[in-house]
Amino acid sequence: MTVLVIFVIVYAFVAMVIGDMTMQTASSVIRFAYFAIAGLAWTIPAGAIIWWMEHGFRLSRRPDAD
């Protein structure tokens, strides 16, 4: 859970800085498109992090001993 929160905070900050630095002279349509895409793009890696939190990462394929 902590990994997901840290990822979202860092991603939002980086997307905001990139958008601010590169989109100052762009048209409103381009800015809207960038922030719409950047605002939704975090869901793909966040989904992978959630999957990893639920299933875990196994280095071996042998079944767990009970």
C-alpha atoms as a PDB file:
ATOM      1  CA  MET A   1       0.000   0.000   0.000  1.00  0.00           C
ATOM      2  CA  THR A   2       2.835   2.357   0.818  1.00  0.00           C
ATOM      3  CA  VAL A   3       4.415   1.719  -2.574  1.00  0.00           C
ATOM      4  CA  LEU A   4       1.186   2.718  -4.314  1.00  0.00           C
ATOM      5  CA  VAL A   5       0.814   5.946  -2.337  1.00  0.00           C
ATOM      6  CA  ILE A   6       4.438   6.922  -2.944  1.00  0.00           C
ATOM      7  CA  PHE A   7       4.104   6.107  -6.649  1.00  0.00           C
ATOM      8  CA  VAL A   8       0.975   8.235  -7.065  1.00  0.00           C
ATOM      9  CA  ILE A   9       2.524  11.208  -5.252  1.00  0.00           C
ATOM     10  CA  VAL A  10       5.761  11.048  -7.243  1.00  0.00           C
ATOM     11  CA  TYR A  11       3.906  10.487 -10.526  1.00  0.00           C
ATOM     12  CA  ALA A  12       1.589  13.448  -9.934  1.00  0.00           C
ATOM     13  CA  PHE A  13       4.514  15.720  -9.094  1.00  0.00           C
ATOM     14  CA  VAL A  14       6.545  14.641 -12.141  1.00  0.00           C
ATOM     15  CA  ALA A  15       3.555  14.955 -14.504  1.00  0.00           C
ATOM     16  CA  MET A  16       2.782  18.400 -13.117  1.00  0.00           C
ATOM     17  CA  VAL A  17       6.377  19.619 -13.491  1.00  0.00           C
ATOM     18  CA  ILE A  18       6.681  18.256 -17.034  1.00  0.00           C
ATOM     19  CA  GLY A  19       3.355  19.804 -17.971  1.00  0.00           C
ATOM     20  CA  ASP A  20       4.277  23.139 -16.467  1.00  0.00           C
ATOM     21  CA  MET A  21       7.701  23.266 -18.111  1.00  0.00           C
ATOM     22  CA  THR A  22       6.643  22.152 -21.583  1.00  0.00           C
ATOM     23  CA  MET A  23       3.059  23.347 -21.963  1.00  0.00           C
ATOM     24  CA  GLN A  24       3.367  27.056 -21.162  1.00  0.00           C
ATOM     25  CA  THR A  25       3.153  28.162 -24.791  1.00  0.00           C
ATOM     26  CA  ALA A  26       0.930  25.347 -26.053  1.00  0.00           C
ATOM     27  CA  SER A  27      -2.687  25.864 -26.998  1.00  0.00           C
ATOM     28  CA  SER A  28      -5.485  25.072 -24.586  1.00  0.00           C
ATOM     29  CA  VAL A  29      -6.426  21.952 -26.536  1.00  0.00           C
ATOM     30  CA  ILE A  30      -2.881  20.568 -26.320  1.00  0.00           C
ATOM     31  CA  ARG A  31      -2.679  21.338 -22.597  1.00  0.00           C
ATOM     32  CA  PHE A  32      -6.038  19.694 -21.998  1.00  0.00           C
ATOM     33  CA  ALA A  33      -4.958  16.598 -23.937  1.00  0.00           C
ATOM     34  CA  TYR A  34      -1.661  16.336 -22.045  1.00  0.00           C
ATOM     35  CA  PHE A  35      -3.209  16.652 -18.607  1.00  0.00           C
ATOM     36  CA  ALA A  36      -6.063  14.285 -19.522  1.00  0.00           C
ATOM     37  CA  ILE A  37      -3.605  11.628 -20.690  1.00  0.00           C
ATOM     38  CA  ALA A  38      -1.205  12.227 -17.801  1.00  0.00           C
ATOM     39  CA  GLY A  39      -4.133  12.157 -15.391  1.00  0.00           C
ATOM     40  CA  LEU A  40      -5.214   8.719 -16.580  1.00  0.00           C
ATOM     41  CA  ALA A  41      -1.858   7.121 -17.394  1.00  0.00           C
ATOM     42  CA  TRP A  42      -1.017   6.407 -13.760  1.00  0.00           C
ATOM     43  CA  THR A  43      -3.761   3.775 -13.589  1.00  0.00           C
ATOM     44  CA  ILE A  44      -1.783   1.246 -15.666  1.00  0.00           C
ATOM     45  CA  PRO A  45       1.274   1.013 -13.373  1.00  0.00           C
ATOM     46  CA  ALA A  46      -0.968   1.402 -10.324  1.00  0.00           C
ATOM     47  CA  GLY A  47      -2.933  -1.629 -11.497  1.00  0.00           C
ATOM     48  CA  ALA A  48       0.313  -3.571 -11.776  1.00  0.00           C
ATOM     49  CA  ILE A  49       1.288  -2.538  -8.249  1.00  0.00           C
ATOM     50  CA  ILE A  50      -2.121  -3.612  -6.919  1.00  0.00           C
ATOM     51  CA  TRP A  51      -1.817  -6.958  -8.728  1.00  0.00           C
ATOM     52  CA  TRP A  52       1.645  -7.419  -7.216  1.00  0.00           C
ATOM     53  CA  MET A  53       0.320  -6.595  -3.729  1.00  0.00           C
ATOM     54  CA  GLU A  54      -2.453  -9.188  -4.090  1.00  0.00           C
ATOM     55  CA  HIS A  55      -0.450 -11.993  -5.715  1.00  0.00           C
ATOM     56  CA  GLY A  56       3.093 -11.311  -4.621  1.00  0.00           C
ATOM     57  CA  PHE A  57       6.265 -11.924  -6.548  1.00  0.00           C
ATOM     58  CA  ARG A  58       7.528 -15.491  -6.560  1.00  0.00           C
ATOM     59  CA  LEU A  59      11.055 -16.279  -7.655  1.00  0.00           C
ATOM     60  CA  SER A  60      10.462 -20.017  -7.810  1.00  0.00           C
ATOM     61  CA  ARG A  61       7.635 -22.031  -9.301  1.00  0.00           C
ATOM     62  CA  ARG A  62       7.514 -24.700  -6.622  1.00  0.00           C
ATOM     63  CA  PRO A  63       4.374 -24.823  -4.480  1.00  0.00           C
ATOM     64  CA  ASP A  64       4.516 -23.485  -0.964  1.00  0.00           C
ATOM     65  CA  ALA A  65       5.002 -26.072   1.741  1.00  0.00           C
ATOM     66  CA  ASP A  66       2.105 -26.315   4.175  1.00  0.00           C
END
